[in-house]
Amino acid sequence: MARSKSPIRVTSHGEKMLEVLQKASGEWLTRRQLSDALEKSRLTPYDLDMLELLKEKGLIEMNQRSITGPIGYEWIYRATVAE
């Protein structure tokens, strides 16, 4: 099944994701921590697209952190801080 197009605007779900990251007060959250805060078992491809859109709009930062394991890294996210 083909993946749907990436979102072009921040939806109410995206706003909820941003709110969770803002409440973390600048701390980096893993995908697991973010999905737990959203009361989801895992982030969906749509969630990941929304995170990418939030990043493109300058509302969040995303990065990779090295971990031990087969992949060797995990994605982490945090809200940007207004200057």
N, C-alpha and C. Protein backbone atom coordinates (compact mmCIF):
# COMPACT_ATOMS: atom_id res chain seq x y z
N MET A 1 0.84 -1.17 0.00
CA MET A 1 0.00 0.00 0.00
C MET A 1 0.89 1.24 0.00
N ALA A 2 0.57 2.19 -0.87
CA ALA A 2 1.36 3.41 -0.98
C ALA A 2 1.13 4.31 0.23
N ARG A 3 2.17 4.96 0.64
CA ARG A 3 2.09 5.88 1.76
C ARG A 3 1.45 7.19 1.29
N SER A 4 0.56 7.73 2.10
CA SER A 4 -0.11 8.97 1.73
C SER A 4 0.90 10.12 1.70
N LYS A 5 0.51 11.20 1.05
CA LYS A 5 1.37 12.37 0.97
C LYS A 5 1.60 12.96 2.35
N SER A 6 2.74 13.59 2.49
CA SER A 6 3.07 14.26 3.76
C SER A 6 2.09 15.40 4.01
N PRO A 7 1.81 15.68 5.28
CA PRO A 7 0.90 16.78 5.59
C PRO A 7 1.48 18.11 5.15
N ILE A 8 0.61 19.04 4.74
CA ILE A 8 1.07 20.35 4.30
C ILE A 8 0.83 21.42 5.36
N ARG A 9 0.05 21.09 6.37
CA ARG A 9 -0.19 22.04 7.46
C ARG A 9 -0.19 21.26 8.77
N VAL A 10 0.05 21.99 9.85
CA VAL A 10 0.05 21.39 11.18
C VAL A 10 -1.41 21.18 11.60
N THR A 11 -1.76 19.94 11.85
CA THR A 11 -3.12 19.58 12.25
C THR A 11 -3.26 19.67 13.77
N SER A 12 -4.48 19.41 14.25
CA SER A 12 -4.68 19.41 15.71
C SER A 12 -3.83 18.33 16.37
N HIS A 13 -3.64 17.21 15.67
CA HIS A 13 -2.78 16.16 16.22
C HIS A 13 -1.33 16.66 16.29
N GLY A 14 -0.89 17.37 15.27
CA GLY A 14 0.46 17.95 15.29
C GLY A 14 0.61 18.95 16.42
N GLU A 15 -0.43 19.73 16.65
CA GLU A 15 -0.40 20.70 17.76
C GLU A 15 -0.30 19.98 19.09
N LYS A 16 -0.95 18.83 19.22
CA LYS A 16 -0.86 18.05 20.46
C LYS A 16 0.56 17.51 20.64
N MET A 17 1.18 17.06 19.55
CA MET A 17 2.56 16.59 19.63
C MET A 17 3.48 17.73 20.06
N LEU A 18 3.27 18.91 19.47
CA LEU A 18 4.07 20.08 19.84
C LEU A 18 3.87 20.43 21.31
N GLU A 19 2.65 20.36 21.77
CA GLU A 19 2.35 20.67 23.18
C GLU A 19 3.09 19.72 24.12
N VAL A 20 3.12 18.44 23.78
CA VAL A 20 3.85 17.46 24.60
C VAL A 20 5.33 17.84 24.67
N LEU A 21 5.90 18.19 23.52
CA LEU A 21 7.32 18.56 23.49
C LEU A 21 7.57 19.86 24.25
N GLN A 22 6.67 20.80 24.16
CA GLN A 22 6.83 22.06 24.90
C GLN A 22 6.75 21.83 26.41
N LYS A 23 5.89 20.93 26.84
CA LYS A 23 5.76 20.64 28.27
C LYS A 23 7.01 19.95 28.84
N ALA A 24 7.85 19.41 27.96
CA ALA A 24 9.08 18.75 28.40
C ALA A 24 10.16 19.76 28.77
N SER A 25 9.87 21.04 28.62
CA SER A 25 10.76 22.13 29.06
C SER A 25 12.18 22.02 28.51
N GLY A 26 12.29 21.78 27.21
CA GLY A 26 13.60 21.74 26.57
C GLY A 26 14.32 20.41 26.64
N GLU A 27 13.75 19.44 27.34
CA GLU A 27 14.36 18.11 27.41
C GLU A 27 14.11 17.37 26.10
N TRP A 28 15.07 16.55 25.70
CA TRP A 28 14.92 15.71 24.52
C TRP A 28 14.03 14.52 24.87
N LEU A 29 13.08 14.19 24.00
CA LEU A 29 12.22 13.03 24.18
C LEU A 29 12.48 12.03 23.06
N THR A 30 12.49 10.76 23.42
CA THR A 30 12.60 9.70 22.42
C THR A 30 11.23 9.46 21.79
N ARG A 31 11.22 8.69 20.73
CA ARG A 31 9.94 8.32 20.11
C ARG A 31 9.06 7.57 21.09
N ARG A 32 9.66 6.73 21.90
CA ARG A 32 8.89 5.97 22.90
C ARG A 32 8.25 6.92 23.91
N GLN A 33 9.03 7.86 24.42
CA GLN A 33 8.50 8.82 25.39
C GLN A 33 7.38 9.66 24.78
N LEU A 34 7.56 10.05 23.53
CA LEU A 34 6.54 10.85 22.85
C LEU A 34 5.27 10.03 22.62
N SER A 35 5.41 8.80 22.17
CA SER A 35 4.22 7.97 21.95
C SER A 35 3.52 7.67 23.27
N ASP A 36 4.26 7.44 24.34
CA ASP A 36 3.64 7.23 25.65
C ASP A 36 2.84 8.45 26.09
N ALA A 37 3.42 9.64 25.90
CA ALA A 37 2.73 10.87 26.29
C ALA A 37 1.46 11.09 25.47
N LEU A 38 1.45 10.57 24.24
CA LEU A 38 0.27 10.68 23.37
C LEU A 38 -0.69 9.50 23.57
N GLU A 39 -0.34 8.63 24.51
CA GLU A 39 -1.14 7.42 24.81
C GLU A 39 -1.32 6.55 23.58
N LYS A 40 -0.19 6.34 22.87
CA LYS A 40 -0.17 5.48 21.68
C LYS A 40 0.86 4.39 21.91
N SER A 41 0.66 3.26 21.25
CA SER A 41 1.63 2.17 21.39
C SER A 41 2.92 2.47 20.63
N ARG A 42 2.82 3.21 19.54
CA ARG A 42 4.00 3.63 18.79
C ARG A 42 3.60 4.79 17.88
N LEU A 43 4.61 5.49 17.36
CA LEU A 43 4.34 6.56 16.41
C LEU A 43 4.12 5.96 15.03
N THR A 44 3.14 6.49 14.32
CA THR A 44 2.81 6.01 12.98
C THR A 44 3.63 6.78 11.94
N PRO A 45 3.64 6.29 10.69
CA PRO A 45 4.30 7.07 9.64
C PRO A 45 3.75 8.49 9.53
N TYR A 46 2.44 8.66 9.73
CA TYR A 46 1.85 10.01 9.71
C TYR A 46 2.43 10.86 10.84
N ASP A 47 2.60 10.29 12.03
CA ASP A 47 3.21 11.02 13.15
C ASP A 47 4.61 11.49 12.78
N LEU A 48 5.38 10.61 12.16
CA LEU A 48 6.75 10.95 11.78
C LEU A 48 6.76 12.06 10.74
N ASP A 49 5.81 12.01 9.79
CA ASP A 49 5.69 13.09 8.80
C ASP A 49 5.34 14.40 9.48
N MET A 50 4.46 14.35 10.47
CA MET A 50 4.07 15.56 11.18
C MET A 50 5.26 16.13 11.96
N LEU A 51 6.07 15.27 12.56
CA LEU A 51 7.27 15.73 13.26
C LEU A 51 8.22 16.41 12.27
N GLU A 52 8.34 15.85 11.09
CA GLU A 52 9.20 16.46 10.06
C GLU A 52 8.66 17.84 9.67
N LEU A 53 7.35 17.97 9.53
CA LEU A 53 6.74 19.27 9.21
C LEU A 53 6.98 20.28 10.34
N LEU A 54 6.82 19.84 11.58
CA LEU A 54 7.09 20.73 12.72
C LEU A 54 8.54 21.20 12.71
N LYS A 55 9.44 20.31 12.31
CA LYS A 55 10.86 20.67 12.21
C LYS A 55 11.06 21.69 11.09
N GLU A 56 10.46 21.44 9.93
CA GLU A 56 10.59 22.36 8.79
C GLU A 56 10.07 23.76 9.13
N LYS A 57 9.07 23.84 9.98
CA LYS A 57 8.50 25.12 10.39
C LYS A 57 9.29 25.77 11.53
N GLY A 58 10.34 25.10 12.00
CA GLY A 58 11.19 25.66 13.05
C GLY A 58 10.60 25.55 14.44
N LEU A 59 9.58 24.70 14.61
CA LEU A 59 8.92 24.57 15.91
C LEU A 59 9.58 23.54 16.81
N ILE A 60 10.26 22.56 16.20
CA ILE A 60 10.95 21.54 16.99
C ILE A 60 12.33 21.28 16.39
N GLU A 61 13.16 20.63 17.19
CA GLU A 61 14.45 20.12 16.73
C GLU A 61 14.38 18.61 16.77
N MET A 62 15.09 17.97 15.87
CA MET A 62 15.21 16.51 15.92
C MET A 62 16.66 16.16 15.69
N ASN A 63 17.07 15.06 16.32
CA ASN A 63 18.47 14.65 16.27
C ASN A 63 18.54 13.15 16.48
N GLN A 64 19.71 12.59 16.23
CA GLN A 64 19.95 11.18 16.52
C GLN A 64 20.92 11.10 17.70
N ARG A 65 20.65 10.13 18.59
CA ARG A 65 21.52 9.89 19.74
C ARG A 65 22.04 8.47 19.62
N SER A 66 23.32 8.30 19.83
CA SER A 66 23.92 6.96 19.78
C SER A 66 23.45 6.11 20.95
N ILE A 67 23.12 4.86 20.66
CA ILE A 67 22.74 3.89 21.69
C ILE A 67 23.36 2.55 21.32
N THR A 68 23.42 1.67 22.29
CA THR A 68 23.85 0.32 21.97
C THR A 68 22.66 -0.45 21.43
N GLY A 69 22.90 -1.31 20.49
CA GLY A 69 21.82 -2.07 19.89
C GLY A 69 22.08 -2.26 18.40
N PRO A 70 21.21 -2.98 17.75
CA PRO A 70 21.45 -3.31 16.34
C PRO A 70 21.46 -2.08 15.42
N ILE A 71 20.65 -1.08 15.69
CA ILE A 71 20.61 0.10 14.83
C ILE A 71 21.73 1.08 15.21
N GLY A 72 21.99 1.22 16.49
CA GLY A 72 23.07 2.07 16.95
C GLY A 72 22.69 3.51 17.25
N TYR A 73 21.42 3.88 17.01
CA TYR A 73 20.97 5.23 17.31
C TYR A 73 19.47 5.23 17.55
N GLU A 74 18.99 6.34 18.13
CA GLU A 74 17.55 6.57 18.29
C GLU A 74 17.27 8.03 17.97
N TRP A 75 16.07 8.30 17.49
CA TRP A 75 15.66 9.67 17.20
C TRP A 75 15.17 10.33 18.49
N ILE A 76 15.54 11.61 18.65
CA ILE A 76 15.09 12.38 19.79
C ILE A 76 14.55 13.73 19.30
N TYR A 77 13.63 14.30 20.07
CA TYR A 77 12.91 15.51 19.66
C TYR A 77 12.76 16.45 20.85
N ARG A 78 12.74 17.76 20.56
CA ARG A 78 12.43 18.75 21.57
C ARG A 78 11.88 20.00 20.89
N ALA A 79 11.08 20.75 21.63
CA ALA A 79 10.55 22.01 21.12
C ALA A 79 11.67 23.03 21.07
N THR A 80 11.62 23.89 20.07
CA THR A 80 12.62 24.96 20.00
C THR A 80 12.29 26.01 21.06
N VAL A 81 13.30 26.71 21.48
CA VAL A 81 13.15 27.72 22.52
C VAL A 81 13.10 29.09 21.84
N ALA A 82 12.06 29.84 22.13
CA ALA A 82 11.94 31.20 21.58
C ALA A 82 12.99 32.10 22.21
N GLU A 83 13.66 32.87 21.38
CA GLU A 83 14.71 33.76 21.90
C GLU A 83 14.20 35.14 22.09
